[in-house]
């Protein structure tokens, strides 16, 4: 029974790993570059409401997946399933 739980947690761990990689790769860079500084990109509507946009959702998903990654890493490395 414990082997089955470890197998399910390991599959969930792999899914979280792949999801974390995908979510991080989908995010934009934090540096606006020279064109962003000249045009004042931070002062636009999208710059002020970034938390409500897709980028904000990706940041939230990254945080949730990172916490799941750490928790699953600790649980899978404990000797509960030996």
PDB file of N, CA and C in Angstrom:
ATOM      1  N   UNK A   1       0.815  -1.196   0.000  1.00  0.00           N
ATOM      2  CA  UNK A   1       0.000   0.000   0.000  1.00  0.00           C
ATOM      3  C   UNK A   1       0.860   1.261   0.000  1.00  0.00           C
ATOM      4  N   UNK A   2       1.919   1.272   0.807  1.00  0.00           N
ATOM      5  CA  UNK A   2       2.787   2.444   0.844  1.00  0.00           C
ATOM      6  C   UNK A   2       3.539   2.629  -0.466  1.00  0.00           C
ATOM      7  N   UNK A   3       3.833   1.526  -1.145  1.00  0.00           N
ATOM      8  CA  UNK A   3       4.479   1.620  -2.453  1.00  0.00           C
ATOM      9  C   UNK A   3       3.573   2.274  -3.475  1.00  0.00           C
ATOM     10  N   UNK A   4       2.284   2.008  -3.384  1.00  0.00           N
ATOM     11  CA  UNK A   4       1.319   2.626  -4.290  1.00  0.00           C
ATOM     12  C   UNK A   4       1.228   4.127  -4.039  1.00  0.00           C
ATOM     13  N   UNK A   5       1.215   4.512  -2.766  1.00  0.00           N
ATOM     14  CA  UNK A   5       1.166   5.939  -2.428  1.00  0.00           C
ATOM     15  C   UNK A   5       2.423   6.638  -2.923  1.00  0.00           C
ATOM     16  N   UNK A   6       3.582   5.990  -2.739  1.00  0.00           N
ATOM     17  CA  UNK A   6       4.835   6.580  -3.221  1.00  0.00           C
ATOM     18  C   UNK A   6       4.818   6.717  -4.738  1.00  0.00           C
ATOM     19  N   UNK A   7       4.261   5.734  -5.442  1.00  0.00           N
ATOM     20  CA  UNK A   7       4.165   5.810  -6.901  1.00  0.00           C
ATOM     21  C   UNK A   7       3.271   6.946  -7.354  1.00  0.00           C
ATOM     22  N   UNK A   8       2.142   7.117  -6.675  1.00  0.00           N
ATOM     23  CA  UNK A   8       1.225   8.216  -7.025  1.00  0.00           C
ATOM     24  C   UNK A   8       1.880   9.561  -6.751  1.00  0.00           C
ATOM     25  N   UNK A   9       2.554   9.677  -5.597  1.00  0.00           N
ATOM     26  CA  UNK A   9       3.244  10.935  -5.280  1.00  0.00           C
ATOM     27  C   UNK A   9       4.364  11.226  -6.267  1.00  0.00           C
ATOM     28  N   UNK A  10       5.061  10.175  -6.727  1.00  0.00           N
ATOM     29  CA  UNK A  10       6.133  10.377  -7.693  1.00  0.00           C
ATOM     30  C   UNK A  10       5.588  10.855  -9.042  1.00  0.00           C
ATOM     31  N   UNK A  11       4.463  10.293  -9.472  1.00  0.00           N
ATOM     32  CA  UNK A  11       3.839  10.744 -10.721  1.00  0.00           C
ATOM     33  C   UNK A  11       3.373  12.196 -10.581  1.00  0.00           C
ATOM     34  N   UNK A  12       2.788  12.534  -9.429  1.00  0.00           N
ATOM     35  CA  UNK A  12       2.379  13.916  -9.173  1.00  0.00           C
ATOM     36  C   UNK A  12       3.586  14.841  -9.163  1.00  0.00           C
ATOM     37  N   UNK A  13       4.695  14.362  -8.590  1.00  0.00           N
ATOM     38  CA  UNK A  13       5.948  15.123  -8.563  1.00  0.00           C
ATOM     39  C   UNK A  13       6.451  15.414  -9.979  1.00  0.00           C
ATOM     40  N   UNK A  14       6.398  14.420 -10.839  1.00  0.00           N
ATOM     41  CA  UNK A  14       6.827  14.621 -12.228  1.00  0.00           C
ATOM     42  C   UNK A  14       5.932  15.621 -12.944  1.00  0.00           C
ATOM     43  N   UNK A  15       4.627  15.546 -12.712  1.00  0.00           N
ATOM     44  CA  UNK A  15       3.699  16.499 -13.330  1.00  0.00           C
ATOM     45  C   UNK A  15       3.954  17.922 -12.830  1.00  0.00           C
ATOM     46  N   UNK A  16       4.236  18.061 -11.540  1.00  0.00           N
ATOM     47  CA  UNK A  16       4.545  19.379 -10.988  1.00  0.00           C
ATOM     48  C   UNK A  16       5.845  19.907 -11.589  1.00  0.00           C
ATOM     49  N   UNK A  17       6.840  19.047 -11.762  1.00  0.00           N
ATOM     50  CA  UNK A  17       8.113  19.463 -12.368  1.00  0.00           C
ATOM     51  C   UNK A  17       7.910  19.978 -13.785  1.00  0.00           C
ATOM     52  N   UNK A  18       7.176  19.225 -14.587  1.00  0.00           N
ATOM     53  CA  UNK A  18       6.930  19.641 -15.970  1.00  0.00           C
ATOM     54  C   UNK A  18       6.098  20.919 -15.991  1.00  0.00           C
ATOM     55  N   UNK A  19       5.081  20.999 -15.135  1.00  0.00           N
ATOM     56  CA  UNK A  19       4.256  22.205 -15.070  1.00  0.00           C
ATOM     57  C   UNK A  19       5.057  23.418 -14.665  1.00  0.00           C
ATOM     58  N   UNK A  20       5.959  23.264 -13.707  1.00  0.00           N
ATOM     59  CA  UNK A  20       6.795  24.380 -13.272  1.00  0.00           C
ATOM     60  C   UNK A  20       7.715  24.852 -14.387  1.00  0.00           C
ATOM     61  N   UNK A  21       8.279  23.932 -15.128  1.00  0.00           N
ATOM     62  CA  UNK A  21       9.141  24.296 -16.253  1.00  0.00           C
ATOM     63  C   UNK A  21       8.347  25.068 -17.306  1.00  0.00           C
ATOM     64  N   UNK A  22       7.162  24.581 -17.641  1.00  0.00           N
ATOM     65  CA  UNK A  22       6.339  25.233 -18.665  1.00  0.00           C
ATOM     66  C   UNK A  22       5.923  26.627 -18.224  1.00  0.00           C
ATOM     67  N   UNK A  23       5.480  26.765 -16.970  1.00  0.00           N
ATOM     68  CA  UNK A  23       5.012  28.058 -16.481  1.00  0.00           C
ATOM     69  C   UNK A  23       6.147  29.072 -16.442  1.00  0.00           C
ATOM     70  N   UNK A  24       7.328  28.648 -16.033  1.00  0.00           N
ATOM     71  CA  UNK A  24       8.466  29.571 -15.998  1.00  0.00           C
ATOM     72  C   UNK A  24       8.858  30.000 -17.412  1.00  0.00           C
ATOM     73  N   UNK A  25       8.822  29.074 -18.355  1.00  0.00           N
ATOM     74  CA  UNK A  25       9.195  29.425 -19.728  1.00  0.00           C
ATOM     75  C   UNK A  25       8.167  30.324 -20.401  1.00  0.00           C
ATOM     76  N   UNK A  26       6.929  30.286 -19.966  1.00  0.00           N
ATOM     77  CA  UNK A  26       5.893  31.133 -20.550  1.00  0.00           C
ATOM     78  C   UNK A  26       5.954  32.582 -20.068  1.00  0.00           C
ATOM     79  N   UNK A  27       6.648  32.825 -18.971  1.00  0.00           N
ATOM     80  CA  UNK A  27       6.694  34.177 -18.417  1.00  0.00           C
ATOM     81  C   UNK A  27       7.600  35.080 -19.226  1.00  0.00           C
ATOM     82  N   UNK A  28       7.250  36.370 -19.198  1.00  0.00           N
ATOM     83  CA  UNK A  28       8.090  37.366 -19.859  1.00  0.00           C
ATOM     84  C   UNK A  28       9.271  37.701 -18.967  1.00  0.00           C
ATOM     85  N   UNK A  29      10.288  38.274 -19.579  1.00  0.00           N
ATOM     86  CA  UNK A  29      11.422  38.723 -18.794  1.00  0.00           C
ATOM     87  C   UNK A  29      11.039  39.923 -17.947  1.00  0.00           C
ATOM     88  N   UNK A  30      11.708  40.127 -16.837  1.00  0.00           N
ATOM     89  CA  UNK A  30      11.392  41.243 -15.947  1.00  0.00           C
ATOM     90  C   UNK A  30      12.013  42.545 -16.426  1.00  0.00           C
ATOM     91  N   UNK A  31      12.983  42.485 -17.289  1.00  0.00           N
ATOM     92  CA  UNK A  31      13.636  43.685 -17.773  1.00  0.00           C
ATOM     93  C   UNK A  31      12.918  44.181 -19.015  1.00  0.00           C
ATOM     94  N   UNK A  32      12.503  45.432 -18.997  1.00  0.00           N
ATOM     95  CA  UNK A  32      11.822  46.011 -20.147  1.00  0.00           C
ATOM     96  C   UNK A  32      12.825  46.425 -21.224  1.00  0.00           C
ATOM     97  N   UNK A  33      14.075  46.575 -20.861  1.00  0.00           N
ATOM     98  CA  UNK A  33      15.084  46.988 -21.821  1.00  0.00           C
ATOM     99  C   UNK A  33      15.036  48.495 -22.056  1.00  0.00           C
ATOM    100  N   UNK A  34      15.796  48.936 -23.005  1.00  0.00           N
ATOM    101  CA  UNK A  34      15.890  50.364 -23.285  1.00  0.00           C
ATOM    102  C   UNK A  34      14.591  50.903 -23.864  1.00  0.00           C
ATOM    103  N   UNK A  35      13.929  50.135 -24.715  1.00  0.00           N
ATOM    104  CA  UNK A  35      12.681  50.620 -25.314  1.00  0.00           C
ATOM    105  C   UNK A  35      11.587  50.781 -24.268  1.00  0.00           C
ATOM    106  N   UNK A  36      11.558  49.936 -23.259  1.00  0.00           N
ATOM    107  CA  UNK A  36      10.563  50.065 -22.198  1.00  0.00           C
ATOM    108  C   UNK A  36      10.826  51.286 -21.337  1.00  0.00           C
ATOM    109  N   UNK A  37      12.089  51.604 -21.120  1.00  0.00           N
ATOM    110  CA  UNK A  37      12.436  52.768 -20.307  1.00  0.00           C
ATOM    111  C   UNK A  37      12.132  54.065 -21.045  1.00  0.00           C
ATOM    112  N   UNK A  38      12.340  54.068 -22.354  1.00  0.00           N
ATOM    113  CA  UNK A  38      12.099  55.280 -23.137  1.00  0.00           C
ATOM    114  C   UNK A  38      10.606  55.537 -23.305  1.00  0.00           C
ATOM    115  N   UNK A  39       9.863  54.483 -23.616  1.00  0.00           N
ATOM    116  CA  UNK A  39       8.438  54.670 -23.880  1.00  0.00           C
ATOM    117  C   UNK A  39       7.599  54.731 -22.613  1.00  0.00           C
ATOM    118  N   UNK A  40       8.181  54.459 -21.472  1.00  0.00           N
ATOM    119  CA  UNK A  40       7.430  54.493 -20.225  1.00  0.00           C
ATOM    120  C   UNK A  40       6.441  53.352 -20.120  1.00  0.00           C
ATOM    121  N   UNK A  41       6.880  52.147 -20.408  1.00  0.00           N
ATOM    122  CA  UNK A  41       5.994  50.990 -20.444  1.00  0.00           C
ATOM    123  C   UNK A  41       5.356  50.704 -19.088  1.00  0.00           C
ATOM    124  N   UNK A  42       5.998  51.091 -18.004  1.00  0.00           N
ATOM    125  CA  UNK A  42       5.443  50.813 -16.682  1.00  0.00           C
ATOM    126  C   UNK A  42       4.239  51.693 -16.364  1.00  0.00           C
ATOM    127  N   UNK A  43       4.065  52.787 -17.104  1.00  0.00           N
ATOM    128  CA  UNK A  43       2.982  53.717 -16.824  1.00  0.00           C
ATOM    129  C   UNK A  43       1.726  53.437 -17.640  1.00  0.00           C
ATOM    130  N   UNK A  44       1.714  52.380 -18.395  1.00  0.00           N
ATOM    131  CA  UNK A  44       0.544  52.061 -19.202  1.00  0.00           C
ATOM    132  C   UNK A  44      -0.489  51.330 -18.364  1.00  0.00           C
ATOM    133  N   UNK A  45      -1.661  51.147 -18.922  1.00  0.00           N
ATOM    134  CA  UNK A  45      -2.729  50.413 -18.247  1.00  0.00           C
ATOM    135  C   UNK A  45      -2.278  48.994 -17.933  1.00  0.00           C
ATOM    136  N   UNK A  46      -1.622  48.357 -18.885  1.00  0.00           N
ATOM    137  CA  UNK A  46      -1.193  46.970 -18.685  1.00  0.00           C
ATOM    138  C   UNK A  46      -0.079  46.882 -17.654  1.00  0.00           C
ATOM    139  N   UNK A  47       0.743  47.899 -17.565  1.00  0.00           N
ATOM    140  CA  UNK A  47       1.809  47.893 -16.574  1.00  0.00           C
ATOM    141  C   UNK A  47       1.276  48.004 -15.155  1.00  0.00           C
ATOM    142  N   UNK A  48       0.222  48.809 -14.974  1.00  0.00           N
ATOM    143  CA  UNK A  48      -0.353  48.989 -13.645  1.00  0.00           C
ATOM    144  C   UNK A  48      -1.211  47.806 -13.222  1.00  0.00           C
ATOM    145  N   UNK A  49      -1.852  47.130 -14.161  1.00  0.00           N
ATOM    146  CA  UNK A  49      -2.767  46.037 -13.846  1.00  0.00           C
ATOM    147  C   UNK A  49      -2.199  44.681 -14.229  1.00  0.00           C
ATOM    148  N   UNK A  50      -0.914  44.543 -14.093  1.00  0.00           N
ATOM    149  CA  UNK A  50      -0.258  43.302 -14.499  1.00  0.00           C
ATOM    150  C   UNK A  50      -0.676  42.115 -13.637  1.00  0.00           C
ATOM    151  N   UNK A  51      -1.019  42.369 -12.377  1.00  0.00           N
ATOM    152  CA  UNK A  51      -1.397  41.273 -11.489  1.00  0.00           C
ATOM    153  C   UNK A  51      -2.702  40.612 -11.937  1.00  0.00           C
ATOM    154  N   UNK A  52      -3.550  41.338 -12.636  1.00  0.00           N
ATOM    155  CA  UNK A  52      -4.823  40.783 -13.095  1.00  0.00           C
ATOM    156  C   UNK A  52      -4.714  40.136 -14.471  1.00  0.00           C
ATOM    157  N   UNK A  53      -3.592  40.289 -15.111  1.00  0.00           N
ATOM    158  CA  UNK A  53      -3.413  39.778 -16.466  1.00  0.00           C
ATOM    159  C   UNK A  53      -2.926  38.329 -16.444  1.00  0.00           C
ATOM    160  N   UNK A  54      -2.631  37.824 -17.614  1.00  0.00           N
ATOM    161  CA  UNK A  54      -2.108  36.464 -17.732  1.00  0.00           C
ATOM    162  C   UNK A  54      -0.756  36.342 -17.022  1.00  0.00           C
ATOM    163  N   UNK A  55       0.035  37.400 -17.073  1.00  0.00           N
ATOM    164  CA  UNK A  55       1.340  37.377 -16.415  1.00  0.00           C
ATOM    165  C   UNK A  55       1.181  37.211 -14.903  1.00  0.00           C
ATOM    166  N   UNK A  56       0.196  37.874 -14.332  1.00  0.00           N
ATOM    167  CA  UNK A  56      -0.064  37.716 -12.909  1.00  0.00           C
ATOM    168  C   UNK A  56      -0.491  36.301 -12.564  1.00  0.00           C
ATOM    169  N   UNK A  57      -1.281  35.698 -13.428  1.00  0.00           N
ATOM    170  CA  UNK A  57      -1.685  34.311 -13.222  1.00  0.00           C
ATOM    171  C   UNK A  57      -0.514  33.354 -13.307  1.00  0.00           C
ATOM    172  N   UNK A  58       0.410  33.634 -14.218  1.00  0.00           N
ATOM    173  CA  UNK A  58       1.604  32.787 -14.334  1.00  0.00           C
ATOM    174  C   UNK A  58       2.497  32.907 -13.102  1.00  0.00           C
ATOM    175  N   UNK A  59       2.585  34.112 -12.550  1.00  0.00           N
ATOM    176  CA  UNK A  59       3.382  34.304 -11.335  1.00  0.00           C
ATOM    177  C   UNK A  59       2.757  33.532 -10.174  1.00  0.00           C
ATOM    178  N   UNK A  60       1.438  33.607 -10.055  1.00  0.00           N
ATOM    179  CA  UNK A  60       0.747  32.862  -8.998  1.00  0.00           C
ATOM    180  C   UNK A  60       0.913  31.353  -9.187  1.00  0.00           C
ATOM    181  N   UNK A  61       0.787  30.887 -10.424  1.00  0.00           N
ATOM    182  CA  UNK A  61       0.967  29.462 -10.707  1.00  0.00           C
ATOM    183  C   UNK A  61       2.392  29.019 -10.389  1.00  0.00           C
ATOM    184  N   UNK A  62       3.373  29.872 -10.647  1.00  0.00           N
ATOM    185  CA  UNK A  62       4.765  29.552 -10.339  1.00  0.00           C
ATOM    186  C   UNK A  62       4.954  29.384  -8.837  1.00  0.00           C
ATOM    187  N   UNK A  63       4.363  30.283  -8.073  1.00  0.00           N
ATOM    188  CA  UNK A  63       4.494  30.187  -6.612  1.00  0.00           C
ATOM    189  C   UNK A  63       3.852  28.913  -6.079  1.00  0.00           C
ATOM    190  N   UNK A  64       2.649  28.600  -6.560  1.00  0.00           N
ATOM    191  CA  UNK A  64       1.951  27.408  -6.086  1.00  0.00           C
ATOM    192  C   UNK A  64       2.720  26.143  -6.469  1.00  0.00           C
ATOM    193  N   UNK A  65       3.174  26.075  -7.724  1.00  0.00           N
ATOM    194  CA  UNK A  65       3.916  24.895  -8.166  1.00  0.00           C
ATOM    195  C   UNK A  65       5.256  24.767  -7.450  1.00  0.00           C
ATOM    196  N   UNK A  66       5.891  25.890  -7.125  1.00  0.00           N
ATOM    197  CA  UNK A  66       7.167  25.833  -6.400  1.00  0.00           C
ATOM    198  C   UNK A  66       6.969  25.276  -4.994  1.00  0.00           C
ATOM    199  N   UNK A  67       5.894  25.702  -4.333  1.00  0.00           N
ATOM    200  CA  UNK A  67       5.610  25.171  -2.992  1.00  0.00           C
ATOM    201  C   UNK A  67       5.303  23.675  -3.067  1.00  0.00           C
ATOM    202  N   UNK A  68       4.497  23.273  -4.051  1.00  0.00           N
ATOM    203  CA  UNK A  68       4.202  21.845  -4.231  1.00  0.00           C
ATOM    204  C   UNK A  68       5.470  21.047  -4.513  1.00  0.00           C
ATOM    205  N   UNK A  69       6.353  21.612  -5.319  1.00  0.00           N
ATOM    206  CA  UNK A  69       7.617  20.958  -5.644  1.00  0.00           C
ATOM    207  C   UNK A  69       8.441  20.711  -4.381  1.00  0.00           C
ATOM    208  N   UNK A  70       8.548  21.727  -3.531  1.00  0.00           N
ATOM    209  CA  UNK A  70       9.345  21.598  -2.313  1.00  0.00           C
ATOM    210  C   UNK A  70       8.713  20.592  -1.355  1.00  0.00           C
ATOM    211  N   UNK A  71       7.390  20.690  -1.175  1.00  0.00           N
ATOM    212  CA  UNK A  71       6.704  19.779  -0.252  1.00  0.00           C
ATOM    213  C   UNK A  71       6.823  18.332  -0.735  1.00  0.00           C
ATOM    214  N   UNK A  72       6.583  18.103  -2.020  1.00  0.00           N
ATOM    215  CA  UNK A  72       6.688  16.747  -2.545  1.00  0.00           C
ATOM    216  C   UNK A  72       8.119  16.227  -2.487  1.00  0.00           C
ATOM    217  N   UNK A  73       9.101  17.100  -2.692  1.00  0.00           N
ATOM    218  CA  UNK A  73      10.502  16.684  -2.586  1.00  0.00           C
ATOM    219  C   UNK A  73      10.827  16.209  -1.181  1.00  0.00           C
ATOM    220  N   UNK A  74      10.355  16.949  -0.191  1.00  0.00           N
ATOM    221  CA  UNK A  74      10.620  16.570   1.195  1.00  0.00           C
ATOM    222  C   UNK A  74       9.902  15.268   1.545  1.00  0.00           C
ATOM    223  N   UNK A  75       8.627  15.160   1.148  1.00  0.00           N
ATOM    224  CA  UNK A  75       7.848  13.968   1.487  1.00  0.00           C
ATOM    225  C   UNK A  75       8.433  12.728   0.810  1.00  0.00           C
ATOM    226  N   UNK A  76       8.822  12.846  -0.446  1.00  0.00           N
ATOM    227  CA  UNK A  76       9.365  11.680  -1.151  1.00  0.00           C
ATOM    228  C   UNK A  76      10.745  11.264  -0.624  1.00  0.00           C
ATOM    229  N   UNK A  77      11.479  12.193  -0.011  1.00  0.00           N
ATOM    230  CA  UNK A  77      12.798  11.846   0.505  1.00  0.00           C
ATOM    231  C   UNK A  77      12.783  11.412   1.952  1.00  0.00           C
ATOM    232  N   UNK A  78      11.633  11.418   2.578  1.00  0.00           N
ATOM    233  CA  UNK A  78      11.529  10.902   3.945  1.00  0.00           C
ATOM    234  C   UNK A  78      11.499   9.379   3.880  1.00  0.00           C
ATOM    235  N   UNK A  79      11.832   8.739   4.972  1.00  0.00           N
ATOM    236  CA  UNK A  79      11.867   7.274   4.995  1.00  0.00           C
ATOM    237  C   UNK A  79      10.536   6.658   5.396  1.00  0.00           C
ATOM    238  N   UNK A  80       9.451   7.318   5.054  1.00  0.00           N
ATOM    239  CA  UNK A  80       8.132   6.789   5.388  1.00  0.00           C
ATOM    240  C   UNK A  80       7.740   5.615   4.511  1.00  0.00           C
ATOM    241  N   UNK A  81       8.294   5.565   3.296  1.00  0.00           N
ATOM    242  CA  UNK A  81       7.859   4.593   2.312  1.00  0.00           C
ATOM    243  C   UNK A  81       8.808   3.419   2.174  1.00  0.00           C
ATOM    244  N   UNK A  82       9.744   3.274   3.073  1.00  0.00           N
ATOM    245  CA  UNK A  82      10.731   2.191   2.984  1.00  0.00           C
ATOM    246  C   UNK A  82      10.148   0.861   3.404  1.00  0.00           C
TER     247      UNK A  82
END
